[in-house]
Amino acid sequence: MSTYSSYLDNPIFVVGVDRSGTTLLNMMLDAHPDMFITYEQRTIIKFYEKLDNYGDLTVEKNSLNLIYDILNDDNVKLNFPKTKIADFKLSECQSFADIIKNLYATVLRDQGKLIWGDKDPIYTQYIEVLNEIFPNAKFIHLIRDGRDVALSLITKKWGPTTFTNAIRYWEKTILMTRRLLKMLNSNQTIELRYEDLVYSPEENLRNLCLFLSIEYNSKMLSSYSEKAQDNSQIKTRISGVHNNILDRPNTAQTYKWKDNLNSIDQAIAWEYAGEELKYFGYDSGRENHKLKVLRKAYYFLKEAYLYRFKSKQ
C-alpha cells in the first residue's frame, strides 16, 4: 500500500484565470480523504523570491532560519496550526523543495493523507518556477468561457474596469498558461473546462483522479461545501467572492454571457479572444457588429478616464 512519502515529490497545482472556478475544484480535491490541497497558500512563491536572504540551505542554521520564518507566516499559521520546528526532519531539509515537502508532510502524517498541493490563480505566472522546484509536480489547468470570466471580473473591485480589458486579460493569461504547460512533460498536465466539471462532475473528477493516480472518492462531490465552510480563508469570503461554493455544481453558472452580454460586446470578445474560445470548443456568439468600433472607442475613453481619476486619488 502507498504511503504519504510516496507522493511527496508529486504535488498538485491548480491553475487558471481568476473567476474560473478554481476554488470549487480546490475544495473538491481537498474533500478527497487522501488529499490535502491548500487554498492560495502562496508560501512557495513568497519565500522562493526571498531565498537569497537565507544562503546555503545545506547549512542547518540557514534552513532553520527559513523554517522559522515560514512557520510565522500568516497563511501557514492558518493551514498548519499544529506544525512546529520539531516536526521537521532537518536531515531531509537540504533544499527549499525539501522544506516545503516537510511542511506539508506534517499534515499528511497527522491526517493520514497521501497527496498535497495548492491552488492559486497567480500560479499561471509561476508554472516554470514551480516545475523547477518540483520537477514531478502535476498541474491541473481549469478553463472557463472567457466571456463569463470577464463579466465576473468587472464586478470585482480588484478586477479590470472594462469588459475589453477583462476579455483581453483572459485571452493573454490563457495563451501564456498553455504555452508554459506545453513546455512540461505531457504526463504532468491536464486541462479541464469548468463547464464540463459542472455538467458532468463525477465523470470529470474520476478522470482527474486517474491523472493523479489515485482512486476516486464520492466525498469529492458530497463534502466539498463543508470543506469550504471549514476553511478559515474561504469561509469569510463565501458571501462575496465565493458565494456559489455552498451549492451543488450549478449549470446556471455556465454560459451566462449568452443572456448578459449584448451583441456588440460579443463581437468584441470574438475579435480579441475568438481563437482561444474556439480552441476550447466554445460557441462563437455574435462574431461581428457594425457598431463594434464605436463600442471599443467608448471603452478606451472610459479606461482613460478611470485611470486619470485613480491617479489623482
C-alpha atoms as a PDB file:
ATOM      1  CA  MET A   1       0.000   0.000   0.000  1.00  0.00           C
ATOM      2  CA  SER A   2       1.257   3.508  -0.822  1.00  0.00           C
ATOM      3  CA  THR A   3       2.294   5.822   1.994  1.00  0.00           C
ATOM      4  CA  TYR A   4       2.316   9.594   2.160  1.00  0.00           C
ATOM      5  CA  SER A   5       6.067   9.607   1.483  1.00  0.00           C
ATOM      6  CA  SER A   6       5.434   8.046  -1.940  1.00  0.00           C
ATOM      7  CA  TYR A   7       3.631  11.213  -3.066  1.00  0.00           C
ATOM      8  CA  LEU A   8       5.715  13.990  -1.503  1.00  0.00           C
ATOM      9  CA  ASP A   9       7.582  14.587  -4.761  1.00  0.00           C
ATOM     10  CA  ASN A  10       4.333  14.824  -6.752  1.00  0.00           C
ATOM     11  CA  PRO A  11       2.417  17.905  -5.573  1.00  0.00           C
ATOM     12  CA  ILE A  12      -0.683  19.152  -7.373  1.00  0.00           C
ATOM     13  CA  PHE A  13      -1.067  22.741  -8.503  1.00  0.00           C
ATOM     14  CA  VAL A  14      -4.459  24.002  -9.665  1.00  0.00           C
ATOM     15  CA  VAL A  15      -4.044  26.921 -12.066  1.00  0.00           C
ATOM     16  CA  GLY A  16      -6.435  29.080 -14.022  1.00  0.00           C
ATOM     17  CA  VAL A  17      -7.595  32.636 -14.637  1.00  0.00           C
ATOM     18  CA  ASP A  18      -9.311  34.329 -11.695  1.00  0.00           C
ATOM     19  CA  ARG A  19     -13.079  33.603 -11.532  1.00  0.00           C
ATOM     20  CA  SER A  20     -12.693  30.356 -13.497  1.00  0.00           C
ATOM     21  CA  GLY A  21     -13.964  28.018 -10.775  1.00  0.00           C
ATOM     22  CA  THR A  22     -10.582  27.089  -9.322  1.00  0.00           C
ATOM     23  CA  THR A  23     -11.877  27.440  -5.747  1.00  0.00           C
ATOM     24  CA  LEU A  24     -14.667  24.943  -6.456  1.00  0.00           C
ATOM     25  CA  LEU A  25     -12.137  22.467  -7.841  1.00  0.00           C
ATOM     26  CA  ASN A  26      -9.800  23.191  -4.908  1.00  0.00           C
ATOM     27  CA  MET A  27     -12.498  22.206  -2.421  1.00  0.00           C
ATOM     28  CA  MET A  28     -13.500  19.122  -4.427  1.00  0.00           C
ATOM     29  CA  LEU A  29      -9.930  17.841  -4.404  1.00  0.00           C
ATOM     30  CA  ASP A  30      -9.432  18.700  -0.738  1.00  0.00           C
ATOM     31  CA  ALA A  31     -12.612  16.788   0.147  1.00  0.00           C
ATOM     32  CA  HIS A  32     -10.921  13.587  -1.005  1.00  0.00           C
ATOM     33  CA  PRO A  33      -9.813  11.621   2.094  1.00  0.00           C
ATOM     34  CA  ASP A  34      -6.297  11.239   0.656  1.00  0.00           C
ATOM     35  CA  MET A  35      -5.691  14.814  -0.487  1.00  0.00           C
ATOM     36  CA  PHE A  36      -4.618  17.971   1.343  1.00  0.00           C
ATOM     37  CA  ILE A  37      -4.949  20.886  -1.088  1.00  0.00           C
ATOM     38  CA  THR A  38      -4.467  24.318   0.433  1.00  0.00           C
ATOM     39  CA  TYR A  39      -6.174  27.483  -0.764  1.00  0.00           C
ATOM     40  CA  GLU A  40      -3.892  30.222  -2.142  1.00  0.00           C
ATOM     41  CA  GLN A  41      -1.154  29.373   0.339  1.00  0.00           C
ATOM     42  CA  ARG A  42       1.430  31.493  -1.553  1.00  0.00           C
ATOM     43  CA  THR A  43       4.200  30.356   0.791  1.00  0.00           C
ATOM     44  CA  ILE A  44       6.128  28.704  -2.021  1.00  0.00           C
ATOM     45  CA  ILE A  45       6.366  31.776  -4.261  1.00  0.00           C
ATOM     46  CA  LYS A  46       6.702  34.232  -1.383  1.00  0.00           C
ATOM     47  CA  PHE A  47       9.747  32.512   0.107  1.00  0.00           C
ATOM     48  CA  TYR A  48      11.215  31.365  -3.201  1.00  0.00           C
ATOM     49  CA  GLU A  49      11.655  35.041  -4.058  1.00  0.00           C
ATOM     50  CA  LYS A  50      13.489  35.570  -0.749  1.00  0.00           C
ATOM     51  CA  LEU A  51      15.811  32.557  -0.901  1.00  0.00           C
ATOM     52  CA  ASP A  52      18.940  34.645  -1.421  1.00  0.00           C
ATOM     53  CA  ASN A  53      18.424  36.017   2.088  1.00  0.00           C
ATOM     54  CA  TYR A  54      18.939  32.578   3.634  1.00  0.00           C
ATOM     55  CA  GLY A  55      22.106  31.361   1.962  1.00  0.00           C
ATOM     56  CA  ASP A  56      23.115  27.713   1.568  1.00  0.00           C
ATOM     57  CA  LEU A  57      20.257  25.580   2.893  1.00  0.00           C
ATOM     58  CA  THR A  58      22.507  22.585   3.395  1.00  0.00           C
ATOM     59  CA  VAL A  59      23.780  24.553   6.399  1.00  0.00           C
ATOM     60  CA  GLU A  60      21.409  23.682   9.236  1.00  0.00           C
ATOM     61  CA  LYS A  61      21.408  27.195  10.689  1.00  0.00           C
ATOM     62  CA  ASN A  62      20.195  28.631   7.380  1.00  0.00           C
ATOM     63  CA  SER A  63      17.472  26.048   6.872  1.00  0.00           C
ATOM     64  CA  LEU A  64      16.295  26.591  10.463  1.00  0.00           C
ATOM     65  CA  ASN A  65      16.000  30.334   9.845  1.00  0.00           C
ATOM     66  CA  LEU A  66      13.898  29.692   6.753  1.00  0.00           C
ATOM     67  CA  ILE A  67      11.675  27.161   8.529  1.00  0.00           C
ATOM     68  CA  TYR A  68      11.166  29.580  11.422  1.00  0.00           C
ATOM     69  CA  ASP A  69      10.095  32.379   9.067  1.00  0.00           C
ATOM     70  CA  ILE A  70       7.789  30.068   7.126  1.00  0.00           C
ATOM     71  CA  LEU A  71       6.057  28.904  10.310  1.00  0.00           C
ATOM     72  CA  ASN A  72       5.493  32.528  11.303  1.00  0.00           C
ATOM     73  CA  ASP A  73       3.820  33.366   8.002  1.00  0.00           C
ATOM     74  CA  ASP A  74       0.129  34.206   8.492  1.00  0.00           C
ATOM     75  CA  ASN A  75      -1.136  31.790   5.824  1.00  0.00           C
ATOM     76  CA  VAL A  76       0.977  28.974   7.226  1.00  0.00           C
ATOM     77  CA  LYS A  77      -0.413  29.604  10.692  1.00  0.00           C
ATOM     78  CA  LEU A  78      -3.926  29.178   9.257  1.00  0.00           C
ATOM     79  CA  ASN A  79      -3.289  25.962   7.332  1.00  0.00           C
ATOM     80  CA  PHE A  80      -0.650  24.373   9.557  1.00  0.00           C
ATOM     81  CA  PRO A  81      -1.676  25.460  13.068  1.00  0.00           C
ATOM     82  CA  LYS A  82      -0.161  22.422  14.794  1.00  0.00           C
ATOM     83  CA  THR A  83       3.144  22.345  12.935  1.00  0.00           C
ATOM     84  CA  LYS A  84       6.309  23.159  14.891  1.00  0.00           C
ATOM     85  CA  ILE A  85      10.002  23.251  14.017  1.00  0.00           C
ATOM     86  CA  ALA A  86      10.419  19.955  15.872  1.00  0.00           C
ATOM     87  CA  ASP A  87       8.119  18.328  13.282  1.00  0.00           C
ATOM     88  CA  PHE A  88      10.666  18.941  10.519  1.00  0.00           C
ATOM     89  CA  LYS A  89      13.222  16.262   9.724  1.00  0.00           C
ATOM     90  CA  LEU A  90      16.215  18.581   9.493  1.00  0.00           C
ATOM     91  CA  SER A  91      18.409  15.918   7.937  1.00  0.00           C
ATOM     92  CA  GLU A  92      15.987  15.938   4.993  1.00  0.00           C
ATOM     93  CA  CYS A  93      15.809  19.742   4.700  1.00  0.00           C
ATOM     94  CA  GLN A  94      18.721  20.278   2.329  1.00  0.00           C
ATOM     95  CA  SER A  95      16.851  22.439  -0.178  1.00  0.00           C
ATOM     96  CA  PHE A  96      13.831  24.733  -0.454  1.00  0.00           C
ATOM     97  CA  ALA A  97      11.792  21.927  -2.006  1.00  0.00           C
ATOM     98  CA  ASP A  98      12.712  19.644   0.913  1.00  0.00           C
ATOM     99  CA  ILE A  99      11.499  22.226   3.423  1.00  0.00           C
ATOM    100  CA  ILE A 100       8.158  22.752   1.670  1.00  0.00           C
ATOM    101  CA  LYS A 101       7.643  18.986   1.377  1.00  0.00           C
ATOM    102  CA  ASN A 102       8.415  18.600   5.084  1.00  0.00           C
ATOM    103  CA  LEU A 103       5.881  21.322   5.868  1.00  0.00           C
ATOM    104  CA  TYR A 104       3.074  19.543   4.018  1.00  0.00           C
ATOM    105  CA  ALA A 105       4.225  16.145   5.290  1.00  0.00           C
ATOM    106  CA  THR A 106       3.376  17.216   8.838  1.00  0.00           C
ATOM    107  CA  VAL A 107      -0.304  17.360   7.864  1.00  0.00           C
ATOM    108  CA  LEU A 108      -0.161  14.255   5.690  1.00  0.00           C
ATOM    109  CA  ARG A 109       1.195  12.273   8.633  1.00  0.00           C
ATOM    110  CA  ASP A 110      -1.263  13.792  11.091  1.00  0.00           C
ATOM    111  CA  GLN A 111      -4.340  13.257   8.897  1.00  0.00           C
ATOM    112  CA  GLY A 112      -3.267  10.073   7.149  1.00  0.00           C
ATOM    113  CA  LYS A 113      -3.377  11.672   3.700  1.00  0.00           C
ATOM    114  CA  LEU A 114      -1.255  10.922   0.631  1.00  0.00           C
ATOM    115  CA  ILE A 115      -1.193  13.904  -1.712  1.00  0.00           C
ATOM    116  CA  TRP A 116      -0.532  17.592  -1.126  1.00  0.00           C
ATOM    117  CA  GLY A 117      -0.967  20.627  -3.287  1.00  0.00           C
ATOM    118  CA  ASP A 118      -2.186  24.179  -3.618  1.00  0.00           C
ATOM    119  CA  LYS A 119      -4.475  26.263  -5.762  1.00  0.00           C
ATOM    120  CA  ASP A 120      -3.842  29.846  -6.801  1.00  0.00           C
ATOM    121  CA  PRO A 121      -4.619  31.902  -9.924  1.00  0.00           C
ATOM    122  CA  ILE A 122      -1.197  33.592  -9.603  1.00  0.00           C
ATOM    123  CA  TYR A 123       0.426  30.246 -10.398  1.00  0.00           C
ATOM    124  CA  THR A 124      -0.332  30.864 -14.069  1.00  0.00           C
ATOM    125  CA  GLN A 125       2.693  33.203 -13.899  1.00  0.00           C
ATOM    126  CA  TYR A 126       4.912  30.766 -11.999  1.00  0.00           C
ATOM    127  CA  ILE A 127       4.470  27.404 -13.733  1.00  0.00           C
ATOM    128  CA  GLU A 128       8.105  27.350 -14.821  1.00  0.00           C
ATOM    129  CA  VAL A 129       9.269  28.185 -11.274  1.00  0.00           C
ATOM    130  CA  LEU A 130       7.045  25.561  -9.666  1.00  0.00           C
ATOM    131  CA  ASN A 131       8.271  22.932 -12.110  1.00  0.00           C
ATOM    132  CA  GLU A 132      11.871  23.911 -11.371  1.00  0.00           C
ATOM    133  CA  ILE A 133      11.280  23.425  -7.621  1.00  0.00           C
ATOM    134  CA  PHE A 134       9.157  20.282  -8.031  1.00  0.00           C
ATOM    135  CA  PRO A 135      10.079  18.536 -11.319  1.00  0.00           C
ATOM    136  CA  ASN A 136       7.464  15.826 -10.728  1.00  0.00           C
ATOM    137  CA  ALA A 137       4.610  18.202  -9.955  1.00  0.00           C
ATOM    138  CA  LYS A 138       1.270  17.865 -11.708  1.00  0.00           C
ATOM    139  CA  PHE A 139      -0.723  20.824 -12.994  1.00  0.00           C
ATOM    140  CA  ILE A 140      -4.488  20.998 -13.440  1.00  0.00           C
ATOM    141  CA  HIS A 141      -5.454  23.885 -15.718  1.00  0.00           C
ATOM    142  CA  LEU A 142      -9.121  24.853 -15.282  1.00  0.00           C
ATOM    143  CA  ILE A 143     -10.619  26.894 -18.114  1.00  0.00           C
ATOM    144  CA  ARG A 144     -13.903  28.773 -18.113  1.00  0.00           C
ATOM    145  CA  ASP A 145     -15.548  30.571 -21.038  1.00  0.00           C
ATOM    146  CA  GLY A 146     -13.695  33.891 -21.187  1.00  0.00           C
ATOM    147  CA  ARG A 147     -16.866  35.928 -21.588  1.00  0.00           C
ATOM    148  CA  ASP A 148     -18.257  34.622 -18.301  1.00  0.00           C
ATOM    149  CA  VAL A 149     -14.885  35.251 -16.663  1.00  0.00           C
ATOM    150  CA  ALA A 150     -14.803  38.812 -17.996  1.00  0.00           C
ATOM    151  CA  LEU A 151     -18.342  39.558 -16.812  1.00  0.00           C
ATOM    152  CA  SER A 152     -17.424  38.288 -13.359  1.00  0.00           C
ATOM    153  CA  LEU A 153     -14.096  40.131 -13.180  1.00  0.00           C
ATOM    154  CA  ILE A 154     -15.564  43.563 -13.903  1.00  0.00           C
ATOM    155  CA  THR A 155     -17.884  43.234 -10.894  1.00  0.00           C
ATOM    156  CA  LYS A 156     -14.919  42.948  -8.516  1.00  0.00           C
ATOM    157  CA  LYS A 157     -13.158  45.998  -7.088  1.00  0.00           C
ATOM    158  CA  TRP A 158      -9.785  44.400  -7.786  1.00  0.00           C
ATOM    159  CA  GLY A 159     -10.679  43.373 -11.340  1.00  0.00           C
ATOM    160  CA  PRO A 160     -10.383  45.122 -14.724  1.00  0.00           C
ATOM    161  CA  THR A 161     -12.554  48.197 -15.103  1.00  0.00           C
ATOM    162  CA  THR A 162     -13.990  47.455 -18.554  1.00  0.00           C
ATOM    163  CA  PHE A 163     -15.148  44.429 -20.494  1.00  0.00           C
ATOM    164  CA  THR A 164     -12.460  44.893 -23.144  1.00  0.00           C
ATOM    165  CA  ASN A 165      -9.685  44.846 -20.544  1.00  0.00           C
ATOM    166  CA  ALA A 166     -11.220  41.806 -18.883  1.00  0.00           C
ATOM    167  CA  ILE A 167     -11.574  39.686 -22.032  1.00  0.00           C
ATOM    168  CA  ARG A 168      -8.072  40.633 -23.170  1.00  0.00           C
ATOM    169  CA  TYR A 169      -6.719  39.673 -19.755  1.00  0.00           C
ATOM    170  CA  TRP A 170      -8.417  36.262 -20.081  1.00  0.00           C
ATOM    171  CA  GLU A 171      -7.018  35.713 -23.579  1.00  0.00           C
ATOM    172  CA  LYS A 172      -3.464  36.688 -22.650  1.00  0.00           C
ATOM    173  CA  THR A 173      -3.458  34.604 -19.467  1.00  0.00           C
ATOM    174  CA  ILE A 174      -4.905  31.539 -21.188  1.00  0.00           C
ATOM    175  CA  LEU A 175      -2.372  31.811 -24.013  1.00  0.00           C
ATOM    176  CA  MET A 176       0.543  32.241 -21.589  1.00  0.00           C
ATOM    177  CA  THR A 177      -0.596  29.334 -19.410  1.00  0.00           C
ATOM    178  CA  ARG A 178      -0.988  26.997 -22.378  1.00  0.00           C
ATOM    179  CA  ARG A 179       2.480  27.868 -23.671  1.00  0.00           C
ATOM    180  CA  LEU A 180       4.093  27.270 -20.276  1.00  0.00           C
ATOM    181  CA  LEU A 181       2.287  23.970 -19.749  1.00  0.00           C
ATOM    182  CA  LYS A 182       3.349  22.739 -23.191  1.00  0.00           C
ATOM    183  CA  MET A 183       6.953  23.011 -22.022  1.00  0.00           C
ATOM    184  CA  LEU A 184       6.341  20.299 -19.403  1.00  0.00           C
ATOM    185  CA  ASN A 185       6.047  16.549 -19.864  1.00  0.00           C
ATOM    186  CA  SER A 186       2.607  15.526 -21.083  1.00  0.00           C
ATOM    187  CA  ASN A 187       2.009  13.342 -18.014  1.00  0.00           C
ATOM    188  CA  GLN A 188       2.360  16.421 -15.800  1.00  0.00           C
ATOM    189  CA  THR A 189      -0.531  18.436 -17.177  1.00  0.00           C
ATOM    190  CA  ILE A 190      -4.249  18.158 -17.750  1.00  0.00           C
ATOM    191  CA  GLU A 191      -6.791  20.715 -18.951  1.00  0.00           C
ATOM    192  CA  LEU A 192     -10.402  20.749 -17.842  1.00  0.00           C
ATOM    193  CA  ARG A 193     -13.255  23.069 -18.750  1.00  0.00           C
ATOM    194  CA  TYR A 194     -15.244  24.471 -15.836  1.00  0.00           C
ATOM    195  CA  GLU A 195     -18.435  23.868 -17.785  1.00  0.00           C
ATOM    196  CA  ASP A 196     -17.642  20.154 -18.160  1.00  0.00           C
ATOM    197  CA  LEU A 197     -16.891  19.908 -14.442  1.00  0.00           C
ATOM    198  CA  VAL A 198     -20.265  21.465 -13.636  1.00  0.00           C
ATOM    199  CA  TYR A 199     -22.333  19.458 -16.111  1.00  0.00           C
ATOM    200  CA  SER A 200     -20.604  16.101 -15.501  1.00  0.00           C
ATOM    201  CA  PRO A 201     -18.807  16.444 -12.162  1.00  0.00           C
ATOM    202  CA  GLU A 202     -18.345  12.787 -11.274  1.00  0.00           C
ATOM    203  CA  GLU A 203     -17.083  11.790 -14.702  1.00  0.00           C
ATOM    204  CA  ASN A 204     -14.546  14.603 -14.767  1.00  0.00           C
ATOM    205  CA  LEU A 205     -13.427  14.101 -11.176  1.00  0.00           C
ATOM    206  CA  ARG A 206     -12.857  10.432 -11.963  1.00  0.00           C
ATOM    207  CA  ASN A 207     -10.682  11.484 -14.915  1.00  0.00           C
ATOM    208  CA  LEU A 208      -8.701  13.801 -12.658  1.00  0.00           C
ATOM    209  CA  CYS A 209      -8.178  11.016 -10.126  1.00  0.00           C
ATOM    210  CA  LEU A 210      -6.919   8.773 -12.914  1.00  0.00           C
ATOM    211  CA  PHE A 211      -4.486  11.529 -13.926  1.00  0.00           C
ATOM    212  CA  LEU A 212      -3.352  11.806 -10.281  1.00  0.00           C
ATOM    213  CA  SER A 213      -3.012   8.023  -9.896  1.00  0.00           C
ATOM    214  CA  ILE A 214      -5.459   7.932  -7.013  1.00  0.00           C
ATOM    215  CA  GLU A 215      -8.828   6.250  -6.571  1.00  0.00           C
ATOM    216  CA  TYR A 216     -11.957   8.391  -6.945  1.00  0.00           C
ATOM    217  CA  ASN A 217     -13.937   9.035  -3.759  1.00  0.00           C
ATOM    218  CA  SER A 218     -17.571  10.216  -3.671  1.00  0.00           C
ATOM    219  CA  LYS A 219     -16.748  12.715  -0.912  1.00  0.00           C
ATOM    220  CA  MET A 220     -15.267  14.899  -3.609  1.00  0.00           C
ATOM    221  CA  LEU A 221     -18.851  15.711  -4.580  1.00  0.00           C
ATOM    222  CA  SER A 222     -20.718  15.218  -1.326  1.00  0.00           C
ATOM    223  CA  SER A 223     -18.432  17.073   1.097  1.00  0.00           C
ATOM    224  CA  TYR A 224     -16.715  19.935  -0.716  1.00  0.00           C
ATOM    225  CA  SER A 225     -19.118  22.606   0.577  1.00  0.00           C
ATOM    226  CA  GLU A 226     -18.376  21.536   4.148  1.00  0.00           C
ATOM    227  CA  LYS A 227     -14.672  21.835   3.364  1.00  0.00           C
ATOM    228  CA  ALA A 228     -15.271  25.410   2.192  1.00  0.00           C
ATOM    229  CA  GLN A 229     -17.068  26.337   5.400  1.00  0.00           C
ATOM    230  CA  ASP A 230     -14.303  24.779   7.489  1.00  0.00           C
ATOM    231  CA  ASN A 231     -11.558  26.612   5.596  1.00  0.00           C
ATOM    232  CA  SER A 232     -10.597  29.700   7.597  1.00  0.00           C
ATOM    233  CA  GLN A 233      -9.580  31.606   4.461  1.00  0.00           C
ATOM    234  CA  ILE A 234     -12.640  30.797   2.349  1.00  0.00           C
ATOM    235  CA  LYS A 235     -15.496  30.978   4.866  1.00  0.00           C
ATOM    236  CA  THR A 236     -15.007  34.721   5.354  1.00  0.00           C
ATOM    237  CA  ARG A 237     -15.375  35.229   1.594  1.00  0.00           C
ATOM    238  CA  ILE A 238     -18.377  32.985   0.933  1.00  0.00           C
ATOM    239  CA  SER A 239     -20.921  35.804   0.946  1.00  0.00           C
ATOM    240  CA  GLY A 240     -18.925  37.788  -1.600  1.00  0.00           C
ATOM    241  CA  VAL A 241     -16.214  36.264  -3.747  1.00  0.00           C
ATOM    242  CA  HIS A 242     -17.201  32.596  -3.378  1.00  0.00           C
ATOM    243  CA  ASN A 243     -20.955  32.821  -2.873  1.00  0.00           C
ATOM    244  CA  ASN A 244     -21.693  29.749  -5.049  1.00  0.00           C
ATOM    245  CA  ILE A 245     -19.334  27.368  -3.263  1.00  0.00           C
ATOM    246  CA  LEU A 246     -22.028  26.056  -0.905  1.00  0.00           C
ATOM    247  CA  ASP A 247     -24.240  24.689  -3.675  1.00  0.00           C
ATOM    248  CA  ARG A 248     -24.017  21.579  -5.787  1.00  0.00           C
ATOM    249  CA  PRO A 249     -22.399  22.302  -9.165  1.00  0.00           C
ATOM    250  CA  ASN A 250     -24.923  24.604 -10.799  1.00  0.00           C
ATOM    251  CA  THR A 251     -25.302  24.697 -14.576  1.00  0.00           C
ATOM    252  CA  ALA A 252     -26.922  28.127 -14.215  1.00  0.00           C
ATOM    253  CA  GLN A 253     -23.416  29.442 -13.534  1.00  0.00           C
ATOM    254  CA  THR A 254     -22.339  28.492 -17.053  1.00  0.00           C
ATOM    255  CA  TYR A 255     -22.699  30.461 -20.294  1.00  0.00           C
ATOM    256  CA  LYS A 256     -24.262  33.430 -18.509  1.00  0.00           C
ATOM    257  CA  TRP A 257     -22.819  35.665 -21.201  1.00  0.00           C
ATOM    258  CA  LYS A 258     -25.479  34.453 -23.637  1.00  0.00           C
ATOM    259  CA  ASP A 259     -28.105  36.338 -21.630  1.00  0.00           C
ATOM    260  CA  ASN A 260     -25.988  39.134 -20.160  1.00  0.00           C
ATOM    261  CA  LEU A 261     -23.675  40.204 -22.955  1.00  0.00           C
ATOM    262  CA  ASN A 262     -25.029  42.415 -25.732  1.00  0.00           C
ATOM    263  CA  SER A 263     -24.297  41.572 -29.344  1.00  0.00           C
ATOM    264  CA  ILE A 264     -21.677  44.320 -29.728  1.00  0.00           C
ATOM    265  CA  ASP A 265     -19.649  43.067 -26.771  1.00  0.00           C
ATOM    266  CA  GLN A 266     -19.979  39.520 -28.073  1.00  0.00           C
ATOM    267  CA  ALA A 267     -18.373  40.679 -31.314  1.00  0.00           C
ATOM    268  CA  ILE A 268     -15.584  42.425 -29.377  1.00  0.00           C
ATOM    269  CA  ALA A 269     -14.964  39.273 -27.345  1.00  0.00           C
ATOM    270  CA  TRP A 270     -14.690  37.208 -30.509  1.00  0.00           C
ATOM    271  CA  GLU A 271     -12.243  39.680 -32.039  1.00  0.00           C
ATOM    272  CA  TYR A 272      -9.955  39.649 -29.004  1.00  0.00           C
ATOM    273  CA  ALA A 273     -10.314  36.068 -27.803  1.00  0.00           C
ATOM    274  CA  GLY A 274     -12.009  34.131 -30.577  1.00  0.00           C
ATOM    275  CA  GLU A 275      -9.005  31.935 -31.304  1.00  0.00           C
ATOM    276  CA  GLU A 276      -8.746  30.698 -27.716  1.00  0.00           C
ATOM    277  CA  LEU A 277     -12.531  30.380 -27.317  1.00  0.00           C
ATOM    278  CA  LYS A 278     -12.677  28.300 -30.489  1.00  0.00           C
ATOM    279  CA  TYR A 279      -9.747  26.137 -29.366  1.00  0.00           C
ATOM    280  CA  PHE A 280     -11.642  25.112 -26.235  1.00  0.00           C
ATOM    281  CA  GLY A 281     -14.861  24.449 -28.144  1.00  0.00           C
ATOM    282  CA  TYR A 282     -16.924  27.422 -27.013  1.00  0.00           C
ATOM    283  CA  ASP A 283     -19.744  28.873 -29.094  1.00  0.00           C
ATOM    284  CA  SER A 284     -18.830  31.983 -31.043  1.00  0.00           C
ATOM    285  CA  GLY A 285     -21.905  34.064 -30.302  1.00  0.00           C
ATOM    286  CA  ARG A 286     -22.064  37.211 -32.409  1.00  0.00           C
ATOM    287  CA  GLU A 287     -18.823  37.347 -34.417  1.00  0.00           C
ATOM    288  CA  ASN A 288     -19.092  40.855 -35.829  1.00  0.00           C
ATOM    289  CA  HIS A 289     -21.113  44.037 -35.452  1.00  0.00           C
ATOM    290  CA  LYS A 290     -21.164  47.313 -37.347  1.00  0.00           C
ATOM    291  CA  LEU A 291     -21.017  49.309 -34.094  1.00  0.00           C
ATOM    292  CA  LYS A 292     -18.037  47.427 -32.718  1.00  0.00           C
ATOM    293  CA  VAL A 293     -15.551  50.235 -33.485  1.00  0.00           C
ATOM    294  CA  LEU A 294     -17.639  52.808 -31.638  1.00  0.00           C
ATOM    295  CA  ARG A 295     -18.063  50.488 -28.661  1.00  0.00           C
ATOM    296  CA  LYS A 296     -14.305  49.898 -28.480  1.00  0.00           C
ATOM    297  CA  ALA A 297     -13.744  53.664 -28.586  1.00  0.00           C
ATOM    298  CA  TYR A 298     -16.162  54.070 -25.685  1.00  0.00           C
ATOM    299  CA  TYR A 299     -14.269  51.515 -23.620  1.00  0.00           C
ATOM    300  CA  PHE A 300     -10.960  53.182 -24.462  1.00  0.00           C
ATOM    301  CA  LEU A 301     -12.225  56.566 -23.256  1.00  0.00           C
ATOM    302  CA  LYS A 302     -13.707  55.004 -20.133  1.00  0.00           C
ATOM    303  CA  GLU A 303     -10.420  53.301 -19.295  1.00  0.00           C
ATOM    304  CA  ALA A 304      -8.508  56.553 -19.833  1.00  0.00           C
ATOM    305  CA  TYR A 305     -10.908  58.483 -17.609  1.00  0.00           C
ATOM    306  CA  LEU A 306     -10.814  55.915 -14.833  1.00  0.00           C
ATOM    307  CA  TYR A 307      -7.020  55.743 -14.977  1.00  0.00           C
ATOM    308  CA  ARG A 308      -6.733  59.512 -14.742  1.00  0.00           C
ATOM    309  CA  PHE A 309      -9.314  59.659 -11.937  1.00  0.00           C
ATOM    310  CA  LYS A 310      -7.473  56.993  -9.915  1.00  0.00           C
ATOM    311  CA  SER A 311      -4.108  58.673 -10.450  1.00  0.00           C
ATOM    312  CA  LYS A 312      -5.420  61.814  -8.769  1.00  0.00           C
ATOM    313  CA  GLN A 313      -6.586  59.986  -5.652  1.00  0.00           C
END
